[in-house]
Amino acid sequence: LAYLYRHLGVATRAGSKGICGCLTLLQAWIYEYFPLFRPSQLPQSPDAPRASSWISPRLPGVDDARQRLAHYRQLLDDLSADDVTWTPYGRDGHTYIPRSLFTGPIRFSDIAERYDSARCLRQFGYRQIIPRAMMVPHDQYRPASGISYIVFWDQWVNQLWDNVAAHRLDLNFASRSCEHPSEIVEEYVDWFLTRSHPRITHPTDGVPQPRPLLVHHVSYDFLLLFQI
């Protein structure tokens, strides 16, 4: 997961033309949360890996791929709160996997990336609040040109993952359970829009259309899932 996070960051840079990491993990995550993008699914045993149930979609041709890309971008721009499965693993999934509530850097080899479960409270069935400031690295190097970057963390962060109990989010302290899965605090949208891109489609790709009215005052909040 840490390796995938790092390369998702690299892939968003202007000079990037590809992506590394466990893309099967990324695809399975998309299918779980976004029904509009799901392929067909096979029934399977509850003990089988969840990702193994999805049927690989047909690979499109070059022209077809461009059309599908434009179509998917428009779907994302038009996405509403009701188009998201906020709790695909159930509201109590974190009770079976306590590490889901871990907060802090996660490591793989020399890569460490920030992970903050408070940024995705709705997947636990809790109201989304403005999360606290994230832990910052000791130093970082991001060259103006090129697609790589290096992040330096203090040595003590290496032990955080081994002490999950001390670095696990207390849901009852952080927020409260919600009636509707997409529920948020009123000031959250204003906070989020200053930290994200509200649209995917570039303005030159066509005439921008007004977004549909989103229920429960959750404008653009589906994009928060990409920050998990």
Protein backbone atom coordinates (compact mmCIF):
# COMPACT_ATOMS: atom_id res chain seq x y z
CA LEU A 1 0.00 0.00 0.00
CA ALA A 2 2.83 2.41 0.80
CA TYR A 3 4.46 1.63 -2.56
CA LEU A 4 1.16 2.21 -4.37
CA TYR A 5 0.60 5.53 -2.56
CA ARG A 6 4.06 6.72 -3.56
CA HIS A 7 3.50 5.94 -7.22
CA LEU A 8 0.00 7.41 -7.26
CA GLY A 9 1.72 10.64 -6.22
CA VAL A 10 4.34 10.24 -8.94
CA ALA A 11 1.69 9.48 -11.57
CA THR A 12 -0.08 12.80 -10.94
CA ARG A 13 2.99 14.82 -11.91
CA ALA A 14 2.90 16.55 -15.30
CA GLY A 15 5.78 14.56 -16.80
CA SER A 16 4.39 11.13 -15.90
CA LYS A 17 3.18 8.81 -18.64
CA GLY A 18 2.64 5.62 -16.64
CA ILE A 19 2.16 4.22 -13.17
CA CYS A 20 3.77 1.54 -10.99
CA GLY A 21 2.46 -0.28 -7.96
CA CYS A 22 -0.14 -2.93 -7.25
CA LEU A 23 -2.81 -1.79 -9.70
CA THR A 24 -4.93 -4.84 -8.90
CA LEU A 25 -5.34 -3.37 -5.41
CA LEU A 26 -6.32 -0.01 -6.90
CA GLN A 27 -8.81 -1.58 -9.31
CA ALA A 28 -10.42 -3.68 -6.60
CA TRP A 29 -10.75 -0.59 -4.39
CA ILE A 30 -12.47 1.32 -7.21
CA TYR A 31 -14.91 -1.54 -7.84
CA GLU A 32 -15.80 -1.73 -4.14
CA TYR A 33 -16.63 1.96 -3.74
CA PHE A 34 -17.90 3.04 -7.18
CA PRO A 35 -20.71 0.87 -8.63
CA LEU A 36 -20.70 2.86 -11.90
CA PHE A 37 -17.28 1.43 -12.78
CA ARG A 38 -17.76 -2.17 -11.71
CA PRO A 39 -17.40 -5.08 -14.15
CA SER A 40 -19.40 -8.27 -13.74
CA GLN A 41 -18.92 -10.23 -10.54
CA LEU A 42 -18.93 -13.93 -9.78
CA PRO A 43 -20.29 -15.51 -6.58
CA GLN A 44 -17.55 -16.80 -4.32
CA SER A 45 -16.84 -18.20 -0.90
CA PRO A 46 -16.70 -15.66 1.96
CA ASP A 47 -13.15 -16.86 2.67
CA ALA A 48 -11.90 -16.15 -0.85
CA PRO A 49 -10.02 -12.92 -1.68
CA ARG A 50 -12.58 -10.22 -2.51
CA ALA A 51 -10.66 -9.07 -5.58
CA SER A 52 -10.90 -12.52 -7.17
CA SER A 53 -14.66 -12.20 -7.74
CA TRP A 54 -14.40 -9.43 -10.36
CA ILE A 55 -14.40 -10.44 -14.02
CA SER A 56 -11.75 -8.62 -16.05
CA PRO A 57 -13.38 -6.29 -18.58
CA ARG A 58 -12.67 -6.61 -22.29
CA LEU A 59 -9.58 -4.68 -23.37
CA PRO A 60 -10.68 -1.88 -25.73
CA GLY A 61 -9.00 -0.83 -28.93
CA VAL A 62 -7.12 2.47 -29.16
CA ASP A 63 -10.05 4.56 -30.45
CA ASP A 64 -12.48 2.84 -28.09
CA ALA A 65 -10.11 3.49 -25.17
CA ARG A 66 -10.14 7.24 -25.83
CA GLN A 67 -13.93 7.28 -25.88
CA ARG A 68 -14.11 5.26 -22.67
CA LEU A 69 -11.65 7.60 -20.98
CA ALA A 70 -13.76 10.65 -21.86
CA HIS A 71 -16.87 8.78 -20.71
CA TYR A 72 -15.33 7.83 -17.36
CA ARG A 73 -14.10 11.36 -16.76
CA GLN A 74 -17.60 12.69 -17.30
CA LEU A 75 -19.01 10.06 -14.94
CA LEU A 76 -16.58 11.16 -12.25
CA ASP A 77 -17.44 14.83 -12.73
CA ASP A 78 -21.15 14.04 -12.46
CA LEU A 79 -20.76 11.68 -9.50
CA SER A 80 -23.08 12.30 -6.57
CA ALA A 81 -23.00 11.02 -3.00
CA ASP A 82 -25.60 8.39 -3.87
CA ASP A 83 -23.25 6.96 -6.53
CA VAL A 84 -20.72 5.90 -3.89
CA THR A 85 -20.79 2.77 -1.75
CA TRP A 86 -19.42 4.36 1.42
CA THR A 87 -19.28 1.21 3.56
CA PRO A 88 -18.48 -1.68 1.20
CA TYR A 89 -17.07 -3.78 4.06
CA GLY A 90 -19.94 -3.05 6.44
CA ARG A 91 -20.11 -0.48 9.22
CA ASP A 92 -18.19 -2.72 11.62
CA GLY A 93 -15.42 -3.93 9.30
CA HIS A 94 -12.80 -2.10 11.37
CA THR A 95 -13.68 -4.21 14.42
CA TYR A 96 -12.39 -7.29 12.54
CA ILE A 97 -9.35 -5.52 11.10
CA PRO A 98 -8.10 -3.08 13.80
CA ARG A 99 -5.26 -1.83 11.58
CA SER A 100 -7.90 -0.11 9.44
CA LEU A 101 -7.88 2.64 12.07
CA PHE A 102 -4.11 3.11 12.06
CA THR A 103 -2.90 6.70 11.74
CA GLY A 104 0.70 7.49 10.81
CA PRO A 105 3.32 6.66 8.16
CA ILE A 106 3.22 3.22 6.56
CA ARG A 107 6.49 1.81 5.22
CA PHE A 108 7.78 -0.47 2.52
CA SER A 109 11.57 -0.73 2.16
CA ASP A 110 12.79 2.87 1.91
CA ILE A 111 9.32 4.26 1.14
CA ALA A 112 7.14 5.80 3.84
CA GLU A 113 3.77 7.40 3.06
CA ARG A 114 1.24 9.09 5.33
CA TYR A 115 -1.95 7.23 6.21
CA ASP A 116 -4.73 8.95 8.15
CA SER A 117 -7.93 7.00 8.81
CA ALA A 118 -9.61 10.23 10.00
CA ARG A 119 -9.80 11.31 6.34
CA CYS A 120 -12.19 8.51 5.47
CA LEU A 121 -14.52 8.24 8.45
CA ARG A 122 -17.54 7.50 6.29
CA GLN A 123 -16.19 4.10 5.31
CA PHE A 124 -16.56 3.21 9.01
CA GLY A 125 -20.13 4.51 9.20
CA TYR A 126 -19.15 7.74 10.98
CA ARG A 127 -19.79 11.36 10.08
CA GLN A 128 -16.90 12.97 8.21
CA ILE A 129 -15.21 15.79 10.10
CA ILE A 130 -12.33 18.08 9.19
CA PRO A 131 -9.30 15.91 10.01
CA ARG A 132 -6.42 17.19 12.04
CA ALA A 133 -3.20 18.25 10.34
CA MET A 134 -1.26 15.27 9.03
CA MET A 135 2.13 14.26 10.33
CA VAL A 136 4.85 15.88 8.23
CA PRO A 137 8.17 14.30 7.21
CA HIS A 138 11.53 15.48 8.48
CA ASP A 139 12.50 16.65 5.00
CA GLN A 140 11.56 16.13 1.38
CA TYR A 141 13.04 16.71 -2.04
CA ARG A 142 10.81 17.38 -5.02
CA PRO A 143 12.78 18.52 -8.08
CA ALA A 144 11.15 21.02 -10.41
CA SER A 145 11.72 18.70 -13.34
CA GLY A 146 11.37 14.96 -13.39
CA ILE A 147 8.74 12.70 -11.87
CA SER A 148 10.49 11.35 -8.76
CA TYR A 149 10.57 12.69 -5.26
CA ILE A 150 12.17 11.67 -1.97
CA VAL A 151 10.69 11.95 1.52
CA PHE A 152 12.74 11.69 4.72
CA TRP A 153 11.11 10.63 7.99
CA ASP A 154 12.60 10.55 11.47
CA GLN A 155 13.68 7.09 12.60
CA TRP A 156 11.06 6.82 15.35
CA VAL A 157 8.21 6.58 12.81
CA ASN A 158 9.45 3.09 11.91
CA GLN A 159 8.03 1.76 15.17
CA LEU A 160 4.51 3.25 14.81
CA TRP A 161 3.13 0.40 12.70
CA ASP A 162 4.25 -2.13 15.32
CA ASN A 163 2.28 -0.33 18.03
CA VAL A 164 -1.14 -0.09 16.42
CA ALA A 165 -3.00 0.17 19.71
CA ALA A 166 -1.22 3.44 20.54
CA HIS A 167 -1.66 4.90 17.05
CA ARG A 168 -5.21 3.86 16.26
CA LEU A 169 -8.00 6.36 15.74
CA ASP A 170 -10.69 6.42 18.45
CA LEU A 171 -13.83 6.71 16.35
CA ASN A 172 -16.11 7.64 19.23
CA PHE A 173 -13.78 10.45 20.23
CA ALA A 174 -13.19 11.68 16.68
CA SER A 175 -16.78 11.74 15.46
CA ARG A 176 -20.19 10.12 15.83
CA SER A 177 -22.03 7.46 13.88
CA CYS A 178 -24.27 8.76 11.11
CA GLU A 179 -27.68 7.83 9.76
CA HIS A 180 -26.77 8.39 6.11
CA PRO A 181 -23.38 7.01 4.95
CA SER A 182 -22.37 10.29 3.26
CA GLU A 183 -23.04 12.54 6.26
CA ILE A 184 -20.47 15.30 6.96
CA VAL A 185 -20.08 18.32 9.21
CA GLU A 186 -21.26 21.57 7.65
CA GLU A 187 -17.85 23.23 7.33
CA TYR A 188 -16.17 20.19 5.78
CA VAL A 189 -16.92 21.03 2.11
CA ASP A 190 -15.31 24.48 2.34
CA TRP A 191 -12.22 22.89 3.92
CA PHE A 192 -12.02 20.18 1.29
CA LEU A 193 -12.44 22.39 -1.77
CA THR A 194 -9.31 24.37 -0.84
CA ARG A 195 -7.29 21.13 -0.98
CA SER A 196 -8.56 19.33 -4.05
CA HIS A 197 -9.53 19.67 -7.70
CA PRO A 198 -13.33 19.71 -8.00
CA ARG A 199 -13.31 18.48 -11.60
CA ILE A 200 -11.36 15.98 -13.67
CA THR A 201 -12.36 17.07 -17.18
CA HIS A 202 -10.20 19.91 -18.49
CA PRO A 203 -12.24 23.03 -19.46
CA THR A 204 -10.96 22.80 -23.05
CA ASP A 205 -12.37 19.29 -23.40
CA GLY A 206 -15.88 20.67 -23.76
CA VAL A 207 -18.37 23.08 -22.28
CA PRO A 208 -18.41 22.53 -18.51
CA GLN A 209 -21.79 21.44 -17.26
CA PRO A 210 -23.14 22.34 -13.82
CA ARG A 211 -22.79 19.55 -11.30
CA PRO A 212 -26.02 17.89 -10.15
CA LEU A 213 -27.29 18.85 -6.73
CA LEU A 214 -25.73 16.42 -4.28
CA VAL A 215 -27.79 15.11 -1.40
CA HIS A 216 -26.89 15.76 2.23
CA HIS A 217 -24.66 18.72 1.32
CA VAL A 218 -21.71 16.59 0.26
CA SER A 219 -20.51 18.53 -2.78
CA TYR A 220 -17.36 16.96 -4.29
CA ASP A 221 -16.71 14.88 -1.20
CA PHE A 222 -16.39 11.65 -3.16
CA LEU A 223 -12.87 12.83 -4.05
CA LEU A 224 -11.83 12.41 -0.43
CA LEU A 225 -11.63 8.66 -1.05
CA PHE A 226 -8.60 9.26 -3.26
CA GLN A 227 -6.74 10.70 -0.27
CA ILE A 228 -7.03 7.61 1.92
